[in-house]
PDB file of N, CA and C in Angstrom:
ATOM      1  N   MET A   1       9.964  -3.450 -13.654  1.00  0.00           N
ATOM      2  CA  MET A   1       8.513  -3.307 -13.392  1.00  0.00           C
ATOM      3  C   MET A   1       8.522  -2.642 -15.396  1.00  0.00           C
ATOM      4  N   GLU A   2       9.288  -1.733 -15.554  1.00  0.00           N
ATOM      5  CA  GLU A   2       8.887  -1.216 -17.071  1.00  0.00           C
ATOM      6  C   GLU A   2       9.271  -2.305 -18.161  1.00  0.00           C
ATOM      7  N   LEU A   3      10.184  -3.494 -17.701  1.00  0.00           N
ATOM      8  CA  LEU A   3       9.908  -4.117 -18.963  1.00  0.00           C
ATOM      9  C   LEU A   3       8.986  -5.567 -18.982  1.00  0.00           C
ATOM     10  N   LEU A   4       8.100  -5.475 -18.091  1.00  0.00           N
ATOM     11  CA  LEU A   4       7.086  -6.563 -18.087  1.00  0.00           C
ATOM     12  C   LEU A   4       6.212  -5.724 -19.169  1.00  0.00           C
ATOM     13  N   ALA A   5       5.475  -6.746 -19.775  1.00  0.00           N
ATOM     14  CA  ALA A   5       4.578  -6.580 -20.790  1.00  0.00           C
ATOM     15  C   ALA A   5       3.251  -6.253 -19.909  1.00  0.00           C
ATOM     16  N   LEU A   6       3.558  -7.049 -18.872  1.00  0.00           N
ATOM     17  CA  LEU A   6       1.680  -6.863 -18.171  1.00  0.00           C
ATOM     18  C   LEU A   6       2.155  -5.703 -16.919  1.00  0.00           C
ATOM     19  N   LYS A   7       0.900  -4.804 -16.804  1.00  0.00           N
ATOM     20  CA  LYS A   7       0.613  -3.788 -16.046  1.00  0.00           C
ATOM     21  C   LYS A   7      -0.006  -4.472 -14.843  1.00  0.00           C
ATOM     22  N   PHE A   8       0.070  -4.270 -13.682  1.00  0.00           N
ATOM     23  CA  PHE A   8      -0.418  -4.583 -12.292  1.00  0.00           C
ATOM     24  C   PHE A   8      -1.287  -3.210 -12.116  1.00  0.00           C
ATOM     25  N   ASP A   9      -2.703  -3.829 -11.101  1.00  0.00           N
ATOM     26  CA  ASP A   9      -3.272  -2.674 -11.330  1.00  0.00           C
ATOM     27  C   ASP A   9      -2.985  -2.269  -9.636  1.00  0.00           C
ATOM     28  N   VAL A  10      -2.705  -3.379  -8.840  1.00  0.00           N
ATOM     29  CA  VAL A  10      -2.383  -3.129  -7.244  1.00  0.00           C
ATOM     30  C   VAL A  10      -0.965  -3.931  -7.383  1.00  0.00           C
ATOM     31  N   ILE A  11      -0.009  -3.186  -6.829  1.00  0.00           N
ATOM     32  CA  ILE A  11       1.300  -3.866  -5.990  1.00  0.00           C
ATOM     33  C   ILE A  11       1.446  -3.324  -4.339  1.00  0.00           C
ATOM     34  N   ILE A  12       1.209  -4.731  -4.024  1.00  0.00           N
ATOM     35  CA  ILE A  12       1.388  -4.814  -2.704  1.00  0.00           C
ATOM     36  C   ILE A  12       2.629  -5.033  -1.790  1.00  0.00           C
ATOM     37  N   LEU A  13       3.594  -4.166  -1.142  1.00  0.00           N
ATOM     38  CA  LEU A  13       4.876  -4.457  -0.635  1.00  0.00           C
ATOM     39  C   LEU A  13       4.974  -4.605   0.828  1.00  0.00           C
ATOM     40  N   SER A  14       5.913  -5.382   1.274  1.00  0.00           N
ATOM     41  CA  SER A  14       5.789  -5.607   2.721  1.00  0.00           C
ATOM     42  C   SER A  14       7.548  -5.198   3.080  1.00  0.00           C
ATOM     43  N   GLU A  15       7.708  -4.975   4.484  1.00  0.00           N
ATOM     44  CA  GLU A  15       9.040  -4.676   4.920  1.00  0.00           C
ATOM     45  C   GLU A  15       9.948  -3.636   4.028  1.00  0.00           C
ATOM     46  N   ILE A  16       9.073  -2.529   3.904  1.00  0.00           N
ATOM     47  CA  ILE A  16       9.591  -1.324   2.920  1.00  0.00           C
ATOM     48  C   ILE A  16      10.270  -0.710   3.600  1.00  0.00           C
ATOM     49  N   TRP A  17      10.835  -0.681   4.900  1.00  0.00           N
ATOM     50  CA  TRP A  17      11.860   0.068   5.701  1.00  0.00           C
ATOM     51  C   TRP A  17      11.741   1.695   5.827  1.00  0.00           C
ATOM     52  N   SER A  18      11.821   2.364   6.529  1.00  0.00           N
ATOM     53  CA  SER A  18      11.485   3.869   6.487  1.00  0.00           C
ATOM     54  C   SER A  18      12.881   4.600   5.775  1.00  0.00           C
ATOM     55  N   THR A  19      13.790   3.954   5.944  1.00  0.00           N
ATOM     56  CA  THR A  19      14.970   4.436   5.305  1.00  0.00           C
ATOM     57  C   THR A  19      14.989   4.439   3.721  1.00  0.00           C
ATOM     58  N   ASN A  20      13.826   3.520   3.345  1.00  0.00           N
ATOM     59  CA  ASN A  20      13.881   3.428   1.627  1.00  0.00           C
ATOM     60  C   ASN A  20      12.879   3.917   1.136  1.00  0.00           C
ATOM     61  N   ILE A  21      11.891   5.121   2.131  1.00  0.00           N
ATOM     62  CA  ILE A  21      10.487   5.273   1.797  1.00  0.00           C
ATOM     63  C   ILE A  21      10.975   6.309   0.027  1.00  0.00           C
ATOM     64  N   ASN A  22      11.800   6.761  -0.034  1.00  0.00           N
ATOM     65  CA  ASN A  22      11.905   8.127  -1.109  1.00  0.00           C
ATOM     66  C   ASN A  22      12.026   7.211  -2.503  1.00  0.00           C
ATOM     67  N   PHE A  23      12.746   5.948  -2.118  1.00  0.00           N
ATOM     68  CA  PHE A  23      13.013   4.938  -3.563  1.00  0.00           C
ATOM     69  C   PHE A  23      11.625   4.762  -4.037  1.00  0.00           C
ATOM     70  N   TYR A  24      10.451   4.606  -3.038  1.00  0.00           N
ATOM     71  CA  TYR A  24       9.475   4.014  -3.850  1.00  0.00           C
ATOM     72  C   TYR A  24       8.373   4.914  -4.565  1.00  0.00           C
ATOM     73  N   HIS A  25       8.643   6.113  -4.349  1.00  0.00           N
ATOM     74  CA  HIS A  25       7.613   7.260  -4.987  1.00  0.00           C
ATOM     75  C   HIS A  25       8.092   7.602  -6.614  1.00  0.00           C
ATOM     76  N   ASN A  26       8.929   6.539  -7.390  1.00  0.00           N
ATOM     77  CA  ASN A  26       9.125   6.922  -8.526  1.00  0.00           C
ATOM     78  C   ASN A  26       8.718   5.758  -9.583  1.00  0.00           C
ATOM     79  N   LEU A  27       7.719   4.993  -9.269  1.00  0.00           N
ATOM     80  CA  LEU A  27       7.604   3.969 -10.038  1.00  0.00           C
ATOM     81  C   LEU A  27       6.110   4.806 -11.368  1.00  0.00           C
ATOM     82  N   LYS A  28       6.077   4.989 -12.157  1.00  0.00           N
ATOM     83  CA  LYS A  28       5.279   5.600 -13.147  1.00  0.00           C
ATOM     84  C   LYS A  28       4.170   5.020 -13.503  1.00  0.00           C
ATOM     85  N   GLY A  29       2.751   5.669 -13.264  1.00  0.00           N
ATOM     86  CA  GLY A  29       1.996   5.357 -13.549  1.00  0.00           C
ATOM     87  C   GLY A  29       1.013   4.928 -12.365  1.00  0.00           C
ATOM     88  N   TYR A  30       1.564   5.321 -11.418  1.00  0.00           N
ATOM     89  CA  TYR A  30       1.138   4.647  -9.923  1.00  0.00           C
ATOM     90  C   TYR A  30       1.165   5.169  -9.086  1.00  0.00           C
ATOM     91  N   THR A  31       0.043   5.327  -7.802  1.00  0.00           N
ATOM     92  CA  THR A  31       0.486   6.249  -6.784  1.00  0.00           C
ATOM     93  C   THR A  31       0.925   5.435  -5.503  1.00  0.00           C
ATOM     94  N   PHE A  32       1.729   5.633  -4.868  1.00  0.00           N
ATOM     95  CA  PHE A  32       2.246   5.316  -3.725  1.00  0.00           C
ATOM     96  C   PHE A  32       1.991   5.482  -2.322  1.00  0.00           C
ATOM     97  N   PHE A  33       1.392   4.798  -1.773  1.00  0.00           N
ATOM     98  CA  PHE A  33       0.647   4.872  -0.425  1.00  0.00           C
ATOM     99  C   PHE A  33       1.481   3.978   0.898  1.00  0.00           C
ATOM    100  N   TYR A  34       1.551   4.277   1.978  1.00  0.00           N
ATOM    101  CA  TYR A  34       2.624   3.475   2.836  1.00  0.00           C
ATOM    102  C   TYR A  34       2.127   3.806   4.103  1.00  0.00           C
ATOM    103  N   GLU A  35       2.348   2.858   5.656  1.00  0.00           N
ATOM    104  CA  GLU A  35       2.506   2.789   6.537  1.00  0.00           C
ATOM    105  C   GLU A  35       3.533   2.113   7.183  1.00  0.00           C
ATOM    106  N   LEU A  36       4.225   2.775   7.736  1.00  0.00           N
ATOM    107  CA  LEU A  36       5.805   2.843   8.713  1.00  0.00           C
ATOM    108  C   LEU A  36       5.580   2.492  10.172  1.00  0.00           C
ATOM    109  N   PRO A  37       6.426   1.717  10.909  1.00  0.00           N
ATOM    110  CA  PRO A  37       6.227   1.324  12.312  1.00  0.00           C
ATOM    111  C   PRO A  37       6.478   2.677  12.865  1.00  0.00           C
ATOM    112  N   LYS A  38       6.315   2.831  14.194  1.00  0.00           N
ATOM    113  CA  LYS A  38       6.041   4.050  14.909  1.00  0.00           C
ATOM    114  C   LYS A  38       7.739   4.099  15.557  1.00  0.00           C
ATOM    115  N   GLU A  39       8.017   2.683  16.133  1.00  0.00           N
ATOM    116  CA  GLU A  39       9.215   3.095  16.860  1.00  0.00           C
ATOM    117  C   GLU A  39      10.329   2.362  16.522  1.00  0.00           C
ATOM    118  N   THR A  40      10.769   1.798  14.992  1.00  0.00           N
ATOM    119  CA  THR A  40      11.427   1.580  14.205  1.00  0.00           C
ATOM    120  C   THR A  40      11.785   1.550  12.858  1.00  0.00           C
ATOM    121  N   HIS A  41      12.892   1.794  11.934  1.00  0.00           N
ATOM    122  CA  HIS A  41      12.756   1.650  10.933  1.00  0.00           C
ATOM    123  C   HIS A  41      12.970   0.656  10.087  1.00  0.00           C
ATOM    124  N   ILE A  42      12.513  -0.641  10.684  1.00  0.00           N
ATOM    125  CA  ILE A  42      12.293  -1.965  10.000  1.00  0.00           C
ATOM    126  C   ILE A  42      11.028  -2.286  10.080  1.00  0.00           C
ATOM    127  N   GLY A  43      10.418  -2.619   8.665  1.00  0.00           N
ATOM    128  CA  GLY A  43       8.916  -3.105   8.435  1.00  0.00           C
ATOM    129  C   GLY A  43       8.305  -2.157   7.378  1.00  0.00           C
ATOM    130  N   GLY A  44       7.113  -2.197   7.565  1.00  0.00           N
ATOM    131  CA  GLY A  44       6.521  -1.158   7.278  1.00  0.00           C
ATOM    132  C   GLY A  44       5.734  -2.043   6.179  1.00  0.00           C
ATOM    133  N   ILE A  45       4.267  -1.339   5.398  1.00  0.00           N
ATOM    134  CA  ILE A  45       3.795  -2.054   4.428  1.00  0.00           C
ATOM    135  C   ILE A  45       3.748  -0.940   3.661  1.00  0.00           C
ATOM    136  N   GLY A  46       3.375  -0.992   2.077  1.00  0.00           N
ATOM    137  CA  GLY A  46       3.393  -0.207   0.986  1.00  0.00           C
ATOM    138  C   GLY A  46       2.218  -0.365  -0.290  1.00  0.00           C
ATOM    139  N   VAL A  47       1.555   0.224  -0.707  1.00  0.00           N
ATOM    140  CA  VAL A  47       0.736  -0.428  -2.107  1.00  0.00           C
ATOM    141  C   VAL A  47       0.868   1.153  -2.952  1.00  0.00           C
ATOM    142  N   PHE A  48       1.159   0.454  -4.069  1.00  0.00           N
ATOM    143  CA  PHE A  48       1.117   1.290  -5.289  1.00  0.00           C
ATOM    144  C   PHE A  48      -0.364   0.867  -6.151  1.00  0.00           C
ATOM    145  N   ILE A  49      -0.993   1.921  -6.151  1.00  0.00           N
ATOM    146  CA  ILE A  49      -2.281   1.741  -6.786  1.00  0.00           C
ATOM    147  C   ILE A  49      -2.118   2.667  -8.189  1.00  0.00           C
ATOM    148  N   SER A  50      -2.351   1.592  -9.504  1.00  0.00           N
ATOM    149  CA  SER A  50      -2.372   2.180 -10.947  1.00  0.00           C
ATOM    150  C   SER A  50      -3.189   3.689 -10.752  1.00  0.00           C
ATOM    151  N   ASN A  51      -2.622   4.483 -11.559  1.00  0.00           N
ATOM    152  CA  ASN A  51      -3.363   6.088 -11.632  1.00  0.00           C
ATOM    153  C   ASN A  51      -4.934   5.723 -12.385  1.00  0.00           C
ATOM    154  N   ASP A  52      -4.891   4.503 -13.133  1.00  0.00           N
ATOM    155  CA  ASP A  52      -6.161   4.268 -13.758  1.00  0.00           C
ATOM    156  C   ASP A  52      -7.661   3.973 -12.847  1.00  0.00           C
ATOM    157  N   PHE A  53      -7.167   3.864 -11.157  1.00  0.00           N
ATOM    158  CA  PHE A  53      -8.257   3.734 -10.576  1.00  0.00           C
ATOM    159  C   PHE A  53      -8.656   4.720  -9.944  1.00  0.00           C
ATOM    160  N   SER A  54     -10.015   4.915  -9.029  1.00  0.00           N
ATOM    161  CA  SER A  54      -9.802   6.121  -8.606  1.00  0.00           C
ATOM    162  C   SER A  54      -9.370   5.328  -7.041  1.00  0.00           C
ATOM    163  N   HIS A  55      -9.023   5.795  -6.206  1.00  0.00           N
ATOM    164  CA  HIS A  55      -9.155   4.901  -4.807  1.00  0.00           C
ATOM    165  C   HIS A  55      -9.583   6.137  -3.312  1.00  0.00           C
ATOM    166  N   LEU A  56     -10.122   4.949  -2.548  1.00  0.00           N
ATOM    167  CA  LEU A  56     -10.183   6.049  -1.287  1.00  0.00           C
ATOM    168  C   LEU A  56      -9.608   5.117   0.108  1.00  0.00           C
ATOM    169  N   GLU A  57      -8.905   5.844   0.799  1.00  0.00           N
ATOM    170  CA  GLU A  57      -8.688   4.934   1.762  1.00  0.00           C
ATOM    171  C   GLU A  57      -9.847   4.643   3.287  1.00  0.00           C
ATOM    172  N   ARG A  58      -9.593   3.403   3.529  1.00  0.00           N
ATOM    173  CA  ARG A  58     -11.075   2.391   3.866  1.00  0.00           C
ATOM    174  C   ARG A  58     -10.024   2.438   5.730  1.00  0.00           C
ATOM    175  N   ASN A  59     -10.097   3.429   6.460  1.00  0.00           N
ATOM    176  CA  ASN A  59      -9.452   3.111   8.034  1.00  0.00           C
ATOM    177  C   ASN A  59     -10.475   2.009   8.720  1.00  0.00           C
ATOM    178  N   GLU A  60     -11.602   2.322   8.344  1.00  0.00           N
ATOM    179  CA  GLU A  60     -12.925   1.236   9.411  1.00  0.00           C
ATOM    180  C   GLU A  60     -12.059  -0.108   8.973  1.00  0.00           C
ATOM    181  N   PHE A  61     -11.078  -0.597   8.519  1.00  0.00           N
ATOM    182  CA  PHE A  61     -10.542  -2.173   8.143  1.00  0.00           C
ATOM    183  C   PHE A  61      -9.323  -1.924   9.176  1.00  0.00           C
ATOM    184  N   LYS A  62      -8.639  -0.910   9.538  1.00  0.00           N
ATOM    185  CA  LYS A  62      -7.438  -0.973  10.397  1.00  0.00           C
ATOM    186  C   LYS A  62      -7.726  -1.996  11.470  1.00  0.00           C
ATOM    187  N   ILE A  63      -6.259  -2.839  11.467  1.00  0.00           N
ATOM    188  CA  ILE A  63      -6.123  -3.659  12.492  1.00  0.00           C
ATOM    189  C   ILE A  63      -5.248  -2.530  13.713  1.00  0.00           C
ATOM    190  N   PRO A  64      -5.717  -2.879  14.741  1.00  0.00           N
ATOM    191  CA  PRO A  64      -5.084  -2.048  15.781  1.00  0.00           C
ATOM    192  C   PRO A  64      -3.623  -2.270  16.010  1.00  0.00           C
ATOM    193  N   THR A  65      -2.568  -1.493  16.922  1.00  0.00           N
ATOM    194  CA  THR A  65      -1.581  -2.234  17.141  1.00  0.00           C
ATOM    195  C   THR A  65      -1.573  -1.713  18.145  1.00  0.00           C
ATOM    196  N   CYS A  66      -0.363  -2.450  19.119  1.00  0.00           N
ATOM    197  CA  CYS A  66      -0.182  -2.303  20.603  1.00  0.00           C
ATOM    198  C   CYS A  66       1.316  -3.252  20.737  1.00  0.00           C
ATOM    199  N   ASP A  67       1.801  -2.655  21.847  1.00  0.00           N
ATOM    200  CA  ASP A  67       3.525  -3.581  22.335  1.00  0.00           C
ATOM    201  C   ASP A  67       3.150  -5.045  22.021  1.00  0.00           C
ATOM    202  N   ALA A  68       2.062  -5.564  22.562  1.00  0.00           N
ATOM    203  CA  ALA A  68       1.871  -6.542  22.353  1.00  0.00           C
ATOM    204  C   ALA A  68       1.630  -6.943  21.014  1.00  0.00           C
ATOM    205  N   ASN A  69       0.897  -6.668  20.059  1.00  0.00           N
ATOM    206  CA  ASN A  69       0.706  -7.067  18.994  1.00  0.00           C
ATOM    207  C   ASN A  69       1.219  -5.682  18.115  1.00  0.00           C
ATOM    208  N   ARG A  70       2.075  -5.641  17.780  1.00  0.00           N
ATOM    209  CA  ARG A  70       2.953  -4.863  16.394  1.00  0.00           C
ATOM    210  C   ARG A  70       2.091  -5.327  14.935  1.00  0.00           C
ATOM    211  N   VAL A  71       1.656  -4.360  14.279  1.00  0.00           N
ATOM    212  CA  VAL A  71       1.149  -4.251  13.362  1.00  0.00           C
ATOM    213  C   VAL A  71       1.176  -3.256  12.012  1.00  0.00           C
ATOM    214  N   GLU A  72       1.715  -3.217  11.039  1.00  0.00           N
ATOM    215  CA  GLU A  72       1.107  -2.479  10.342  1.00  0.00           C
ATOM    216  C   GLU A  72       0.287  -2.772   8.972  1.00  0.00           C
ATOM    217  N   ASN A  73      -0.577  -2.090   8.823  1.00  0.00           N
ATOM    218  CA  ASN A  73      -1.577  -2.257   7.638  1.00  0.00           C
ATOM    219  C   ASN A  73      -2.424  -1.252   6.948  1.00  0.00           C
ATOM    220  N   ILE A  74      -2.514  -1.286   5.755  1.00  0.00           N
ATOM    221  CA  ILE A  74      -3.268  -0.207   4.665  1.00  0.00           C
ATOM    222  C   ILE A  74      -4.119  -0.824   3.876  1.00  0.00           C
ATOM    223  N   TRP A  75      -5.215  -0.277   3.735  1.00  0.00           N
ATOM    224  CA  TRP A  75      -6.514  -0.740   3.359  1.00  0.00           C
ATOM    225  C   TRP A  75      -7.081   0.136   1.924  1.00  0.00           C
ATOM    226  N   TYR A  76      -7.468   0.381   1.104  1.00  0.00           N
ATOM    227  CA  TYR A  76      -8.082   0.861  -0.092  1.00  0.00           C
ATOM    228  C   TYR A  76      -9.299   0.218  -0.847  1.00  0.00           C
ATOM    229  N   GLU A  77     -10.235   1.513  -1.040  1.00  0.00           N
ATOM    230  CA  GLU A  77     -11.513   0.944  -1.871  1.00  0.00           C
ATOM    231  C   GLU A  77     -10.757   1.238  -3.291  1.00  0.00           C
ATOM    232  N   ILE A  78     -11.378   0.416  -4.352  1.00  0.00           N
ATOM    233  CA  ILE A  78     -10.330   1.067  -5.958  1.00  0.00           C
ATOM    234  C   ILE A  78     -11.641   0.583  -6.680  1.00  0.00           C
ATOM    235  N   ALA A  79     -11.574   1.739  -7.770  1.00  0.00           N
ATOM    236  CA  ALA A  79     -12.786   1.365  -8.403  1.00  0.00           C
ATOM    237  C   ALA A  79     -12.184   1.656 -10.046  1.00  0.00           C
ATOM    238  N   LYS A  80     -12.609   0.967 -11.106  1.00  0.00           N
ATOM    239  CA  LYS A  80     -12.094   1.826 -12.363  1.00  0.00           C
ATOM    240  C   LYS A  80     -13.595   2.390 -13.530  1.00  0.00           C
ATOM    241  N   ASN A  81     -13.446   3.518 -13.590  1.00  0.00           N
ATOM    242  CA  ASN A  81     -14.460   4.160 -14.534  1.00  0.00           C
ATOM    243  C   ASN A  81     -16.075   3.685 -13.613  1.00  0.00           C
ATOM    244  N   GLY A  82     -15.742   3.843 -12.537  1.00  0.00           N
ATOM    245  CA  GLY A  82     -16.845   3.616 -11.690  1.00  0.00           C
ATOM    246  C   GLY A  82     -17.591   2.923 -11.283  1.00  0.00           C
ATOM    247  N   PHE A  83     -16.821   1.042 -12.252  1.00  0.00           N
ATOM    248  CA  PHE A  83     -17.709   0.151 -12.005  1.00  0.00           C
ATOM    249  C   PHE A  83     -17.489  -0.513 -10.647  1.00  0.00           C
ATOM    250  N   LYS A  84     -17.281  -1.860 -10.483  1.00  0.00           N
ATOM    251  CA  LYS A  84     -16.882  -2.554  -9.574  1.00  0.00           C
ATOM    252  C   LYS A  84     -16.258  -1.504  -8.552  1.00  0.00           C
ATOM    253  N   LYS A  85     -16.397  -2.155  -7.336  1.00  0.00           N
ATOM    254  CA  LYS A  85     -15.240  -1.501  -6.531  1.00  0.00           C
ATOM    255  C   LYS A  85     -14.966  -2.683  -5.243  1.00  0.00           C
ATOM    256  N   TYR A  86     -13.392  -2.465  -5.403  1.00  0.00           N
ATOM    257  CA  TYR A  86     -12.603  -3.701  -4.762  1.00  0.00           C
ATOM    258  C   TYR A  86     -12.013  -2.852  -3.589  1.00  0.00           C
ATOM    259  N   VAL A  87     -12.081  -3.896  -2.077  1.00  0.00           N
ATOM    260  CA  VAL A  87     -10.910  -3.160  -1.034  1.00  0.00           C
ATOM    261  C   VAL A  87      -9.905  -4.344  -1.124  1.00  0.00           C
ATOM    262  N   ILE A  88      -8.986  -3.495  -1.192  1.00  0.00           N
ATOM    263  CA  ILE A  88      -7.513  -3.693  -1.038  1.00  0.00           C
ATOM    264  C   ILE A  88      -7.041  -4.102   0.039  1.00  0.00           C
ATOM    265  N   GLY A  89      -6.052  -4.392   0.952  1.00  0.00           N
ATOM    266  CA  GLY A  89      -5.000  -4.513   1.847  1.00  0.00           C
ATOM    267  C   GLY A  89      -3.961  -4.967   2.259  1.00  0.00           C
ATOM    268  N   GLY A  90      -2.812  -4.393   2.807  1.00  0.00           N
ATOM    269  CA  GLY A  90      -2.096  -4.865   2.660  1.00  0.00           C
ATOM    270  C   GLY A  90      -1.551  -5.227   4.641  1.00  0.00           C
ATOM    271  N   ILE A  91      -0.728  -6.221   5.059  1.00  0.00           N
ATOM    272  CA  ILE A  91      -0.542  -6.295   6.731  1.00  0.00           C
ATOM    273  C   ILE A  91       0.571  -7.014   6.725  1.00  0.00           C
ATOM    274  N   TYR A  92       1.216  -6.387   7.697  1.00  0.00           N
ATOM    275  CA  TYR A  92       2.659  -6.605   8.178  1.00  0.00           C
ATOM    276  C   TYR A  92       2.445  -6.916   9.459  1.00  0.00           C
ATOM    277  N   LEU A  93       3.033  -8.001   9.799  1.00  0.00           N
ATOM    278  CA  LEU A  93       2.901  -8.436  11.592  1.00  0.00           C
ATOM    279  C   LEU A  93       4.845  -8.383  12.052  1.00  0.00           C
TER     280      LEU A  93
END
C-alpha cells in the first residue's frame, strides 16, 4: 500500500480471519475496525478508514445474524472537514 501513489479514503476487507487480526493494525494513516464471527476463526469483515475522516459507527444498519443466516457486517458514517457525509458498509456472508 505504501508503494502506491494513490491514497484510499476507505479500504474494506473480507475474510480477515481472527488469527490475522493483529496484522491489520499497522497500516499508517488509517484506523482499523472489524467484526469477527462468533463461533469460528474463519471469515470476518474489516474496514480501514483514513485518519483524514471523522467516523461514527452506525449500528442501525446492522444485518442480524443467526444460525440459518450467519453474517458479519460493519457500518460507518464518514465525513471530511464536516462536509458531505457518506455511509459505508462491508458485509461478509
